[in-house]
Amino acid sequence: MTNRLFVPLLVVLLGSLSSAGEYNRVLSIGDQAPVWKELTGVDGKKSSLTDLKSKSVLVVVFTCNTCPYSVDAEDRMIALQKAYQDRNVSLVAINVNKVEADLLPAMKQRAEEKKFPFSYLHDPTQQIAKQYGAVYTPEFYVLNQQRRIVYMGSLDDSPDGRNVAMRYVELAIEATLAGQKPQISETIPIGCRVRYERERRSRKSK
């Protein structure tokens, strides 16, 4: 009887483990992208995923002002958006850190200094980053028109951008626009840890 119960239980456990990606503990390739609603951008406007429903491809990146890896990626993110702005592709940057240098006033200043051609949003609840399973900044997700995830991981194979040989996000965009699946759909994200707030556990009264 014990063995009969063990086998189905093992199948369930293995199934739950395989539901996440190779490097992402929450999502896997092909999953429907989590939806954000009413996040405030550096332009002072509220933004939701549904506002971008006409876009053929979306690139969502969790980033911030204070991580050197994110700062190093900014120029490449700007170039990426400019290269694809006429091909119905949009990049959306989301910051969930809550230290002062990563709050909206500092984000606005950074966006103005760099002249970001993409949306830069803040989520003080940090929930959207958790729903995407984002652990590092910067961490990239490419979504097709059905808003399913076709790629997640690093922007390219050079964290500082000095010796780029493989442009993972760009390759994923090109494949998706051509109606194909990216040959490389997941890579290890490299960057600074997202500064998630620690959840305090309340003591249960006996």
N, C-alpha and C. Protein backbone atom coordinates (compact mmCIF):
# COMPACT_ATOMS: atom_id res chain seq x y z
N MET A 1 0.83 -1.21 0.00
CA MET A 1 0.00 0.00 0.00
C MET A 1 0.86 1.25 0.00
N THR A 2 1.95 1.19 0.78
CA THR A 2 2.84 2.34 0.87
C THR A 2 3.47 2.65 -0.47
N ASN A 3 3.94 1.60 -1.21
CA ASN A 3 4.56 1.80 -2.51
C ASN A 3 3.57 2.37 -3.52
N ARG A 4 2.31 1.91 -3.45
CA ARG A 4 1.30 2.42 -4.37
C ARG A 4 1.05 3.90 -4.18
N LEU A 5 1.13 4.37 -2.94
CA LEU A 5 0.94 5.78 -2.66
C LEU A 5 2.18 6.59 -3.02
N PHE A 6 3.34 5.98 -2.88
CA PHE A 6 4.60 6.70 -3.09
C PHE A 6 4.79 7.10 -4.55
N VAL A 7 4.46 6.19 -5.48
CA VAL A 7 4.71 6.47 -6.89
C VAL A 7 3.90 7.66 -7.40
N PRO A 8 2.57 7.71 -7.16
CA PRO A 8 1.82 8.90 -7.61
C PRO A 8 2.32 10.18 -6.95
N LEU A 9 2.71 10.09 -5.68
CA LEU A 9 3.21 11.26 -4.98
C LEU A 9 4.49 11.76 -5.62
N LEU A 10 5.36 10.82 -6.01
CA LEU A 10 6.62 11.19 -6.65
C LEU A 10 6.36 11.87 -7.98
N VAL A 11 5.38 11.38 -8.73
CA VAL A 11 5.04 11.99 -10.01
C VAL A 11 4.56 13.42 -9.82
N VAL A 12 3.75 13.64 -8.80
CA VAL A 12 3.24 14.98 -8.51
C VAL A 12 4.39 15.92 -8.16
N LEU A 13 5.32 15.43 -7.32
CA LEU A 13 6.44 16.26 -6.91
C LEU A 13 7.34 16.61 -8.08
N LEU A 14 7.63 15.63 -8.93
CA LEU A 14 8.46 15.89 -10.09
C LEU A 14 7.78 16.84 -11.06
N GLY A 15 6.47 16.70 -11.18
CA GLY A 15 5.72 17.59 -12.05
C GLY A 15 5.77 19.02 -11.57
N SER A 16 5.70 19.22 -10.25
CA SER A 16 5.75 20.57 -9.70
C SER A 16 7.12 21.17 -9.88
N LEU A 17 8.18 20.34 -9.79
CA LEU A 17 9.53 20.84 -9.96
C LEU A 17 9.78 21.23 -11.42
N SER A 18 9.21 20.48 -12.34
CA SER A 18 9.45 20.75 -13.76
C SER A 18 8.61 21.90 -14.29
N SER A 19 7.71 22.45 -13.47
CA SER A 19 6.85 23.53 -13.93
C SER A 19 7.61 24.84 -14.04
N ALA A 20 8.75 24.96 -13.37
CA ALA A 20 9.56 26.16 -13.46
C ALA A 20 10.64 25.98 -14.50
N GLY A 21 11.27 27.11 -14.87
CA GLY A 21 12.30 27.05 -15.89
C GLY A 21 13.60 26.48 -15.37
N GLU A 22 14.57 26.43 -16.27
CA GLU A 22 15.87 25.88 -15.90
C GLU A 22 16.58 26.75 -14.88
N TYR A 23 16.44 28.07 -15.04
CA TYR A 23 17.09 29.00 -14.12
C TYR A 23 16.10 29.88 -13.37
N ASN A 24 14.84 29.72 -13.64
CA ASN A 24 13.80 30.52 -13.01
C ASN A 24 12.92 29.60 -12.17
N ARG A 25 12.76 29.92 -10.90
CA ARG A 25 12.01 29.05 -9.99
C ARG A 25 10.50 29.23 -10.07
N VAL A 26 10.05 30.23 -10.82
CA VAL A 26 8.62 30.54 -10.87
C VAL A 26 8.01 30.26 -12.23
N LEU A 27 8.67 30.70 -13.29
CA LEU A 27 8.11 30.60 -14.63
C LEU A 27 8.95 29.69 -15.52
N SER A 28 8.30 29.21 -16.58
CA SER A 28 9.02 28.45 -17.60
C SER A 28 8.67 29.02 -18.97
N ILE A 29 9.46 28.67 -19.95
CA ILE A 29 9.20 29.13 -21.31
C ILE A 29 7.84 28.62 -21.77
N GLY A 30 7.06 29.52 -22.36
CA GLY A 30 5.72 29.18 -22.82
C GLY A 30 4.63 29.59 -21.85
N ASP A 31 5.01 29.96 -20.63
CA ASP A 31 4.02 30.41 -19.65
C ASP A 31 3.45 31.76 -20.05
N GLN A 32 2.21 32.00 -19.64
CA GLN A 32 1.60 33.30 -19.82
C GLN A 32 2.30 34.30 -18.91
N ALA A 33 2.64 35.44 -19.45
CA ALA A 33 3.36 36.43 -18.66
C ALA A 33 2.46 37.03 -17.59
N PRO A 34 2.96 37.18 -16.36
CA PRO A 34 2.19 37.87 -15.33
C PRO A 34 1.85 39.30 -15.75
N VAL A 35 0.70 39.75 -15.33
CA VAL A 35 0.19 41.06 -15.75
C VAL A 35 0.42 42.10 -14.67
N TRP A 36 0.97 43.23 -15.06
CA TRP A 36 1.07 44.34 -14.11
C TRP A 36 -0.04 45.36 -14.42
N LYS A 37 -0.47 46.04 -13.38
CA LYS A 37 -1.55 47.02 -13.52
C LYS A 37 -1.21 48.29 -12.76
N GLU A 38 -1.43 49.41 -13.41
CA GLU A 38 -1.35 50.73 -12.77
C GLU A 38 -0.03 50.98 -12.05
N LEU A 39 1.06 50.64 -12.68
CA LEU A 39 2.37 50.99 -12.11
C LEU A 39 2.74 52.40 -12.56
N THR A 40 3.27 53.19 -11.66
CA THR A 40 3.62 54.57 -11.98
C THR A 40 4.97 54.62 -12.69
N GLY A 41 5.00 55.39 -13.78
CA GLY A 41 6.23 55.56 -14.54
C GLY A 41 6.91 56.88 -14.23
N VAL A 42 8.10 57.06 -14.79
CA VAL A 42 8.85 58.30 -14.55
C VAL A 42 8.16 59.49 -15.20
N ASP A 43 7.22 59.22 -16.12
CA ASP A 43 6.44 60.31 -16.74
C ASP A 43 5.24 60.71 -15.90
N GLY A 44 5.08 60.04 -14.74
CA GLY A 44 3.97 60.37 -13.85
C GLY A 44 2.67 59.68 -14.20
N LYS A 45 2.67 58.91 -15.28
CA LYS A 45 1.46 58.22 -15.72
C LYS A 45 1.42 56.79 -15.20
N LYS A 46 0.21 56.24 -15.12
CA LYS A 46 0.02 54.84 -14.74
C LYS A 46 0.12 53.96 -15.98
N SER A 47 0.74 52.81 -15.80
CA SER A 47 0.95 51.92 -16.94
C SER A 47 0.54 50.50 -16.59
N SER A 48 -0.11 49.83 -17.54
CA SER A 48 -0.52 48.44 -17.39
C SER A 48 -0.06 47.65 -18.61
N LEU A 49 0.07 46.36 -18.44
CA LEU A 49 0.48 45.51 -19.57
C LEU A 49 -0.52 45.61 -20.72
N THR A 50 -1.80 45.75 -20.40
CA THR A 50 -2.82 45.81 -21.44
C THR A 50 -2.70 47.06 -22.32
N ASP A 51 -2.00 48.07 -21.83
CA ASP A 51 -1.80 49.28 -22.64
C ASP A 51 -0.94 49.00 -23.87
N LEU A 52 -0.21 47.88 -23.83
CA LEU A 52 0.73 47.55 -24.89
C LEU A 52 0.25 46.38 -25.75
N LYS A 53 -1.06 46.15 -25.75
CA LYS A 53 -1.61 44.97 -26.42
C LYS A 53 -1.37 44.97 -27.93
N SER A 54 -1.12 46.13 -28.52
CA SER A 54 -0.90 46.18 -29.97
C SER A 54 0.53 45.82 -30.36
N LYS A 55 1.44 45.74 -29.41
CA LYS A 55 2.84 45.46 -29.71
C LYS A 55 3.05 43.99 -30.07
N SER A 56 3.85 43.75 -31.10
CA SER A 56 4.11 42.38 -31.53
C SER A 56 5.00 41.63 -30.55
N VAL A 57 5.96 42.34 -29.98
CA VAL A 57 6.89 41.75 -29.02
C VAL A 57 7.14 42.75 -27.90
N LEU A 58 7.20 42.24 -26.68
CA LEU A 58 7.56 43.07 -25.53
C LEU A 58 8.81 42.51 -24.87
N VAL A 59 9.69 43.40 -24.47
CA VAL A 59 10.85 43.02 -23.68
C VAL A 59 10.68 43.66 -22.31
N VAL A 60 10.52 42.82 -21.30
CA VAL A 60 10.37 43.30 -19.92
C VAL A 60 11.70 43.08 -19.21
N VAL A 61 12.22 44.13 -18.59
CA VAL A 61 13.48 43.99 -17.86
C VAL A 61 13.32 44.54 -16.45
N PHE A 62 13.72 43.75 -15.49
CA PHE A 62 13.75 44.21 -14.10
C PHE A 62 15.13 44.79 -13.86
N THR A 63 15.16 46.07 -13.53
CA THR A 63 16.40 46.80 -13.43
C THR A 63 16.31 47.81 -12.29
N CYS A 64 17.33 48.65 -12.15
CA CYS A 64 17.32 49.66 -11.09
C CYS A 64 18.40 50.69 -11.38
N ASN A 65 18.49 51.69 -10.53
CA ASN A 65 19.51 52.74 -10.69
C ASN A 65 20.85 52.36 -10.07
N THR A 66 20.81 51.50 -9.05
CA THR A 66 21.96 51.35 -8.16
C THR A 66 22.85 50.15 -8.46
N CYS A 67 22.45 49.29 -9.35
CA CYS A 67 23.26 48.11 -9.67
C CYS A 67 24.22 48.43 -10.81
N PRO A 68 25.52 48.20 -10.64
CA PRO A 68 26.49 48.47 -11.71
C PRO A 68 26.18 47.69 -12.99
N TYR A 69 25.67 46.46 -12.85
CA TYR A 69 25.32 45.66 -14.02
C TYR A 69 24.18 46.31 -14.80
N SER A 70 23.21 46.86 -14.07
CA SER A 70 22.09 47.54 -14.72
C SER A 70 22.56 48.82 -15.42
N VAL A 71 23.42 49.55 -14.75
CA VAL A 71 23.97 50.78 -15.34
C VAL A 71 24.74 50.45 -16.62
N ASP A 72 25.51 49.37 -16.58
CA ASP A 72 26.28 48.96 -17.76
C ASP A 72 25.37 48.56 -18.91
N ALA A 73 24.17 48.10 -18.59
CA ALA A 73 23.25 47.64 -19.64
C ALA A 73 22.41 48.76 -20.24
N GLU A 74 22.40 49.92 -19.61
CA GLU A 74 21.49 50.99 -20.03
C GLU A 74 21.68 51.41 -21.49
N ASP A 75 22.92 51.64 -21.90
CA ASP A 75 23.15 52.07 -23.28
C ASP A 75 22.72 51.01 -24.28
N ARG A 76 22.91 49.74 -23.94
CA ARG A 76 22.49 48.66 -24.83
C ARG A 76 20.97 48.55 -24.86
N MET A 77 20.32 48.83 -23.73
CA MET A 77 18.86 48.84 -23.71
C MET A 77 18.31 49.98 -24.56
N ILE A 78 18.94 51.12 -24.47
CA ILE A 78 18.54 52.27 -25.29
C ILE A 78 18.70 51.94 -26.77
N ALA A 79 19.84 51.37 -27.12
CA ALA A 79 20.10 51.01 -28.52
C ALA A 79 19.12 49.96 -29.01
N LEU A 80 18.77 49.02 -28.15
CA LEU A 80 17.82 47.97 -28.51
C LEU A 80 16.46 48.56 -28.83
N GLN A 81 15.97 49.46 -27.98
CA GLN A 81 14.67 50.06 -28.22
C GLN A 81 14.67 50.88 -29.51
N LYS A 82 15.72 51.64 -29.72
CA LYS A 82 15.79 52.46 -30.93
C LYS A 82 15.86 51.59 -32.18
N ALA A 83 16.54 50.46 -32.09
CA ALA A 83 16.69 49.58 -33.25
C ALA A 83 15.37 48.93 -33.65
N TYR A 84 14.48 48.74 -32.67
CA TYR A 84 13.23 48.01 -32.94
C TYR A 84 11.97 48.86 -32.83
N GLN A 85 12.13 50.16 -32.64
CA GLN A 85 10.95 50.99 -32.43
C GLN A 85 10.05 51.05 -33.66
N ASP A 86 10.61 50.83 -34.83
CA ASP A 86 9.81 50.84 -36.05
C ASP A 86 9.31 49.45 -36.44
N ARG A 87 9.56 48.46 -35.55
CA ARG A 87 9.14 47.09 -35.86
C ARG A 87 8.11 46.58 -34.83
N ASN A 88 7.45 47.54 -34.18
CA ASN A 88 6.36 47.24 -33.25
C ASN A 88 6.83 46.44 -32.05
N VAL A 89 8.03 46.76 -31.57
CA VAL A 89 8.61 46.12 -30.38
C VAL A 89 8.85 47.19 -29.32
N SER A 90 8.48 46.89 -28.09
CA SER A 90 8.69 47.84 -26.99
C SER A 90 9.42 47.19 -25.84
N LEU A 91 10.30 47.96 -25.23
CA LEU A 91 10.98 47.55 -24.01
C LEU A 91 10.35 48.27 -22.83
N VAL A 92 10.11 47.55 -21.76
CA VAL A 92 9.55 48.13 -20.53
C VAL A 92 10.47 47.77 -19.38
N ALA A 93 10.98 48.78 -18.70
CA ALA A 93 11.87 48.57 -17.55
C ALA A 93 11.07 48.75 -16.26
N ILE A 94 11.25 47.83 -15.33
CA ILE A 94 10.53 47.88 -14.06
C ILE A 94 11.54 47.79 -12.91
N ASN A 95 11.40 48.70 -11.95
CA ASN A 95 12.26 48.76 -10.77
C ASN A 95 11.39 48.48 -9.54
N VAL A 96 11.79 47.54 -8.72
CA VAL A 96 11.00 47.23 -7.52
C VAL A 96 11.78 47.51 -6.24
N ASN A 97 13.04 47.94 -6.36
CA ASN A 97 13.81 48.25 -5.15
C ASN A 97 13.22 49.45 -4.43
N LYS A 98 13.41 49.50 -3.11
CA LYS A 98 12.77 50.55 -2.32
C LYS A 98 13.77 51.41 -1.56
N VAL A 99 15.07 51.27 -1.85
CA VAL A 99 16.04 52.19 -1.26
C VAL A 99 15.85 53.55 -1.93
N GLU A 100 16.27 54.61 -1.26
CA GLU A 100 16.00 55.96 -1.75
C GLU A 100 16.52 56.20 -3.17
N ALA A 101 17.68 55.66 -3.48
CA ALA A 101 18.29 55.88 -4.79
C ALA A 101 17.58 55.13 -5.90
N ASP A 102 16.60 54.30 -5.54
CA ASP A 102 15.83 53.56 -6.54
C ASP A 102 14.36 53.94 -6.55
N LEU A 103 13.99 54.98 -5.82
CA LEU A 103 12.60 55.41 -5.81
C LEU A 103 12.33 56.33 -7.00
N LEU A 104 11.07 56.65 -7.23
CA LEU A 104 10.66 57.38 -8.43
C LEU A 104 11.41 58.68 -8.69
N PRO A 105 11.66 59.52 -7.68
CA PRO A 105 12.40 60.76 -7.97
C PRO A 105 13.77 60.49 -8.58
N ALA A 106 14.47 59.51 -8.04
CA ALA A 106 15.79 59.16 -8.57
C ALA A 106 15.66 58.48 -9.93
N MET A 107 14.63 57.69 -10.11
CA MET A 107 14.38 57.04 -11.41
C MET A 107 14.12 58.10 -12.48
N LYS A 108 13.32 59.10 -12.12
CA LYS A 108 13.01 60.16 -13.08
C LYS A 108 14.27 60.91 -13.49
N GLN A 109 15.11 61.20 -12.51
CA GLN A 109 16.35 61.89 -12.80
C GLN A 109 17.24 61.07 -13.74
N ARG A 110 17.33 59.77 -13.45
CA ARG A 110 18.16 58.90 -14.28
C ARG A 110 17.61 58.81 -15.70
N ALA A 111 16.31 58.68 -15.83
CA ALA A 111 15.68 58.58 -17.14
C ALA A 111 15.90 59.85 -17.96
N GLU A 112 15.85 61.00 -17.29
CA GLU A 112 16.08 62.27 -17.99
C GLU A 112 17.54 62.41 -18.41
N GLU A 113 18.45 61.99 -17.54
CA GLU A 113 19.88 62.08 -17.85
C GLU A 113 20.24 61.21 -19.06
N LYS A 114 19.69 60.01 -19.09
CA LYS A 114 20.02 59.05 -20.15
C LYS A 114 19.07 59.14 -21.34
N LYS A 115 18.01 59.92 -21.18
CA LYS A 115 17.00 60.04 -22.24
C LYS A 115 16.46 58.66 -22.65
N PHE A 116 15.97 57.95 -21.66
CA PHE A 116 15.41 56.62 -21.92
C PHE A 116 14.28 56.71 -22.94
N PRO A 117 14.34 55.93 -24.02
CA PRO A 117 13.26 55.91 -25.00
C PRO A 117 12.21 54.85 -24.70
N PHE A 118 12.22 54.36 -23.47
CA PHE A 118 11.29 53.31 -23.06
C PHE A 118 10.68 53.65 -21.71
N SER A 119 9.61 52.96 -21.36
CA SER A 119 8.94 53.18 -20.08
C SER A 119 9.82 52.67 -18.93
N TYR A 120 9.83 53.43 -17.85
CA TYR A 120 10.58 53.04 -16.65
C TYR A 120 9.60 53.13 -15.49
N LEU A 121 9.17 51.98 -14.98
CA LEU A 121 8.09 51.90 -14.00
C LEU A 121 8.60 51.46 -12.63
N HIS A 122 7.85 51.84 -11.61
CA HIS A 122 8.21 51.43 -10.24
C HIS A 122 7.06 50.67 -9.60
N ASP A 123 7.39 49.56 -8.94
CA ASP A 123 6.38 48.77 -8.22
C ASP A 123 6.82 48.65 -6.76
N PRO A 124 6.31 49.52 -5.88
CA PRO A 124 6.70 49.48 -4.47
C PRO A 124 6.22 48.24 -3.75
N THR A 125 5.26 47.52 -4.32
CA THR A 125 4.79 46.29 -3.67
C THR A 125 5.74 45.12 -3.94
N GLN A 126 6.54 45.26 -4.98
CA GLN A 126 7.50 44.24 -5.41
C GLN A 126 6.83 42.97 -5.94
N GLN A 127 5.53 42.97 -6.04
CA GLN A 127 4.82 41.75 -6.40
C GLN A 127 5.07 41.32 -7.84
N ILE A 128 5.18 42.27 -8.78
CA ILE A 128 5.34 41.86 -10.16
C ILE A 128 6.68 41.16 -10.38
N ALA A 129 7.72 41.60 -9.70
CA ALA A 129 9.02 40.93 -9.82
C ALA A 129 8.95 39.52 -9.25
N LYS A 130 8.24 39.36 -8.15
CA LYS A 130 8.08 38.03 -7.56
C LYS A 130 7.31 37.11 -8.48
N GLN A 131 6.28 37.65 -9.15
CA GLN A 131 5.47 36.84 -10.05
C GLN A 131 6.26 36.38 -11.28
N TYR A 132 7.24 37.19 -11.67
CA TYR A 132 8.10 36.81 -12.78
C TYR A 132 9.27 35.95 -12.33
N GLY A 133 9.45 35.84 -11.03
CA GLY A 133 10.57 35.07 -10.52
C GLY A 133 11.90 35.77 -10.71
N ALA A 134 11.86 37.09 -10.83
CA ALA A 134 13.09 37.87 -11.03
C ALA A 134 13.93 37.86 -9.76
N VAL A 135 15.19 37.58 -9.91
CA VAL A 135 16.12 37.52 -8.78
C VAL A 135 17.22 38.57 -8.90
N TYR A 136 17.57 38.90 -10.14
CA TYR A 136 18.69 39.82 -10.37
C TYR A 136 18.27 41.04 -11.16
N THR A 137 19.09 42.07 -11.10
CA THR A 137 18.97 43.22 -11.99
C THR A 137 20.28 43.36 -12.74
N PRO A 138 20.24 43.45 -14.08
CA PRO A 138 19.03 43.36 -14.92
C PRO A 138 18.68 41.90 -15.24
N GLU A 139 17.39 41.65 -15.39
CA GLU A 139 16.90 40.33 -15.78
C GLU A 139 15.82 40.53 -16.83
N PHE A 140 15.96 39.87 -17.98
CA PHE A 140 15.15 40.14 -19.16
C PHE A 140 14.16 39.02 -19.47
N TYR A 141 12.98 39.43 -19.99
CA TYR A 141 11.94 38.51 -20.42
C TYR A 141 11.41 39.01 -21.77
N VAL A 142 11.37 38.12 -22.76
CA VAL A 142 10.81 38.47 -24.06
C VAL A 142 9.46 37.80 -24.19
N LEU A 143 8.43 38.60 -24.53
CA LEU A 143 7.06 38.11 -24.62
C LEU A 143 6.58 38.23 -26.07
N ASN A 144 5.90 37.20 -26.55
CA ASN A 144 5.34 37.27 -27.90
C ASN A 144 4.01 38.01 -27.88
N GLN A 145 3.33 38.08 -29.00
CA GLN A 145 2.09 38.86 -29.08
C GLN A 145 0.97 38.26 -28.24
N GLN A 146 1.05 36.97 -27.97
CA GLN A 146 0.08 36.33 -27.09
C GLN A 146 0.48 36.48 -25.63
N ARG A 147 1.56 37.19 -25.42
CA ARG A 147 2.13 37.49 -24.09
C ARG A 147 2.54 36.22 -23.34
N ARG A 148 3.08 35.30 -24.14
CA ARG A 148 3.73 34.14 -23.55
C ARG A 148 5.23 34.36 -23.56
N ILE A 149 5.90 33.81 -22.57
CA ILE A 149 7.33 34.02 -22.44
C ILE A 149 8.08 33.12 -23.42
N VAL A 150 8.91 33.76 -24.24
CA VAL A 150 9.70 32.99 -25.22
C VAL A 150 11.18 33.01 -24.88
N TYR A 151 11.58 33.92 -24.01
CA TYR A 151 12.98 33.97 -23.56
C TYR A 151 13.04 34.63 -22.20
N MET A 152 13.98 34.18 -21.36
CA MET A 152 14.26 34.87 -20.10
C MET A 152 15.71 34.62 -19.69
N GLY A 153 16.31 35.67 -19.12
CA GLY A 153 17.70 35.56 -18.69
C GLY A 153 18.46 36.85 -18.91
N SER A 154 19.68 36.73 -19.43
CA SER A 154 20.57 37.88 -19.63
C SER A 154 20.30 38.59 -20.95
N LEU A 155 20.72 39.83 -21.02
CA LEU A 155 20.60 40.60 -22.26
C LEU A 155 21.48 40.00 -23.35
N ASP A 156 22.71 39.67 -22.97
CA ASP A 156 23.67 39.08 -23.89
C ASP A 156 24.71 38.32 -23.08
N ASP A 157 25.82 37.96 -23.70
CA ASP A 157 26.81 37.14 -23.01
C ASP A 157 27.96 37.95 -22.42
N SER A 158 27.76 39.26 -22.28
CA SER A 158 28.81 40.13 -21.73
C SER A 158 28.19 41.05 -20.69
N PRO A 159 28.31 40.73 -19.39
CA PRO A 159 27.68 41.54 -18.35
C PRO A 159 28.03 43.03 -18.41
N ASP A 160 29.29 43.35 -18.77
CA ASP A 160 29.68 44.75 -18.84
C ASP A 160 29.55 45.33 -20.24
N GLY A 161 29.18 44.49 -21.20
CA GLY A 161 28.94 44.97 -22.55
C GLY A 161 30.18 45.20 -23.39
N ARG A 162 31.34 44.81 -22.90
CA ARG A 162 32.58 45.12 -23.63
C ARG A 162 32.91 44.10 -24.71
N ASN A 163 32.52 42.86 -24.51
CA ASN A 163 32.84 41.81 -25.47
C ASN A 163 31.61 40.96 -25.77
N VAL A 164 30.65 41.56 -26.44
CA VAL A 164 29.39 40.88 -26.74
C VAL A 164 29.55 40.00 -27.98
N ALA A 165 29.27 38.72 -27.82
CA ALA A 165 29.31 37.78 -28.95
C ALA A 165 27.91 37.25 -29.28
N MET A 166 27.08 37.07 -28.22
CA MET A 166 25.72 36.54 -28.40
C MET A 166 24.72 37.51 -27.79
N ARG A 167 23.87 38.06 -28.63
CA ARG A 167 22.84 39.01 -28.17
C ARG A 167 21.53 38.24 -27.98
N TYR A 168 21.39 37.64 -26.81
CA TYR A 168 20.28 36.72 -26.56
C TYR A 168 18.91 37.36 -26.77
N VAL A 169 18.71 38.54 -26.21
CA VAL A 169 17.40 39.18 -26.31
C VAL A 169 17.10 39.55 -27.76
N GLU A 170 18.10 40.08 -28.45
CA GLU A 170 17.90 40.45 -29.85
C GLU A 170 17.59 39.23 -30.71
N LEU A 171 18.28 38.14 -30.47
CA LEU A 171 18.01 36.90 -31.22
C LEU A 171 16.59 36.40 -30.94
N ALA A 172 16.14 36.53 -29.69
CA ALA A 172 14.79 36.11 -29.32
C ALA A 172 13.74 36.99 -30.00
N ILE A 173 14.02 38.28 -30.09
CA ILE A 173 13.09 39.20 -30.76
C ILE A 173 12.98 38.84 -32.24
N GLU A 174 14.12 38.64 -32.88
CA GLU A 174 14.12 38.32 -34.32
C GLU A 174 13.37 37.02 -34.61
N ALA A 175 13.61 36.01 -33.78
CA ALA A 175 12.92 34.74 -33.97
C ALA A 175 11.42 34.90 -33.79
N THR A 176 11.02 35.64 -32.77
CA THR A 176 9.60 35.83 -32.48
C THR A 176 8.91 36.61 -33.59
N LEU A 177 9.55 37.65 -34.10
CA LEU A 177 8.98 38.42 -35.21
C LEU A 177 8.82 37.56 -36.46
N ALA A 178 9.69 36.56 -36.59
CA ALA A 178 9.63 35.66 -37.75
C ALA A 178 8.69 34.48 -37.52
N GLY A 179 8.01 34.47 -36.37
CA GLY A 179 7.09 33.39 -36.06
C GLY A 179 7.76 32.10 -35.66
N GLN A 180 8.99 32.21 -35.18
CA GLN A 180 9.75 31.04 -34.77
C GLN A 180 10.07 31.09 -33.28
N LYS A 181 10.52 29.95 -32.76
CA LYS A 181 10.96 29.89 -31.38
C LYS A 181 12.46 30.19 -31.32
N PRO A 182 12.89 30.97 -30.33
CA PRO A 182 14.32 31.25 -30.21
C PRO A 182 15.11 29.96 -29.97
N GLN A 183 16.28 29.86 -30.61
CA GLN A 183 17.12 28.69 -30.39
C GLN A 183 17.63 28.64 -28.96
N ILE A 184 17.90 29.82 -28.40
CA ILE A 184 18.29 29.91 -26.98
C ILE A 184 17.15 30.61 -26.26
N SER A 185 16.46 29.88 -25.41
CA SER A 185 15.27 30.43 -24.75
C SER A 185 15.48 30.79 -23.28
N GLU A 186 16.59 30.34 -22.71
CA GLU A 186 16.83 30.67 -21.30
C GLU A 186 18.32 30.67 -21.01
N THR A 187 18.76 31.70 -20.31
CA THR A 187 20.15 31.81 -19.90
C THR A 187 20.20 32.23 -18.43
N ILE A 188 21.37 32.13 -17.86
CA ILE A 188 21.54 32.53 -16.46
C ILE A 188 21.62 34.04 -16.37
N PRO A 189 20.72 34.68 -15.61
CA PRO A 189 20.82 36.13 -15.43
C PRO A 189 21.99 36.47 -14.50
N ILE A 190 22.73 37.49 -14.85
CA ILE A 190 23.87 37.92 -14.05
C ILE A 190 23.67 39.37 -13.65
N GLY A 191 23.79 39.66 -12.37
CA GLY A 191 23.61 41.03 -11.91
C GLY A 191 23.58 41.11 -10.40
N CYS A 192 22.96 42.16 -9.90
CA CYS A 192 22.80 42.36 -8.46
C CYS A 192 21.48 41.74 -8.01
N ARG A 193 21.43 41.30 -6.79
CA ARG A 193 20.20 40.75 -6.24
C ARG A 193 19.13 41.82 -6.14
N VAL A 194 17.91 41.45 -6.53
CA VAL A 194 16.77 42.34 -6.30
C VAL A 194 16.64 42.53 -4.79
N ARG A 195 16.44 43.76 -4.36
CA ARG A 195 16.38 44.05 -2.93
C ARG A 195 14.98 43.84 -2.38
N TYR A 196 14.61 42.58 -2.28
CA TYR A 196 13.29 42.27 -1.73
C TYR A 196 13.28 42.55 -0.24
N GLU A 197 12.16 43.08 0.21
CA GLU A 197 11.99 43.30 1.65
C GLU A 197 11.74 41.97 2.34
N ARG A 198 12.32 41.80 3.48
CA ARG A 198 12.10 40.57 4.23
C ARG A 198 10.71 40.58 4.84
N GLU A 199 10.03 39.46 4.68
CA GLU A 199 8.70 39.35 5.26
C GLU A 199 8.81 38.88 6.71
N ARG A 200 8.26 39.67 7.58
CA ARG A 200 8.32 39.33 9.00
C ARG A 200 7.26 38.31 9.34
N ARG A 201 7.70 37.28 10.05
CA ARG A 201 6.76 36.25 10.46
C ARG A 201 6.19 36.59 11.83
N SER A 202 4.89 36.54 11.90
CA SER A 202 4.24 36.81 13.17
C SER A 202 4.15 35.56 14.00
N ARG A 203 4.38 35.69 15.28
CA ARG A 203 4.30 34.52 16.18
C ARG A 203 2.84 34.14 16.41
N LYS A 204 2.57 32.88 16.23
CA LYS A 204 1.20 32.41 16.46
C LYS A 204 1.02 32.12 17.95
N SER A 205 -0.06 32.65 18.47
CA SER A 205 -0.34 32.42 19.89
C SER A 205 -0.82 30.98 20.10
N LYS A 206 -0.33 30.39 21.13
CA LYS A 206 -0.70 29.01 21.41
C LYS A 206 -2.07 28.94 22.07
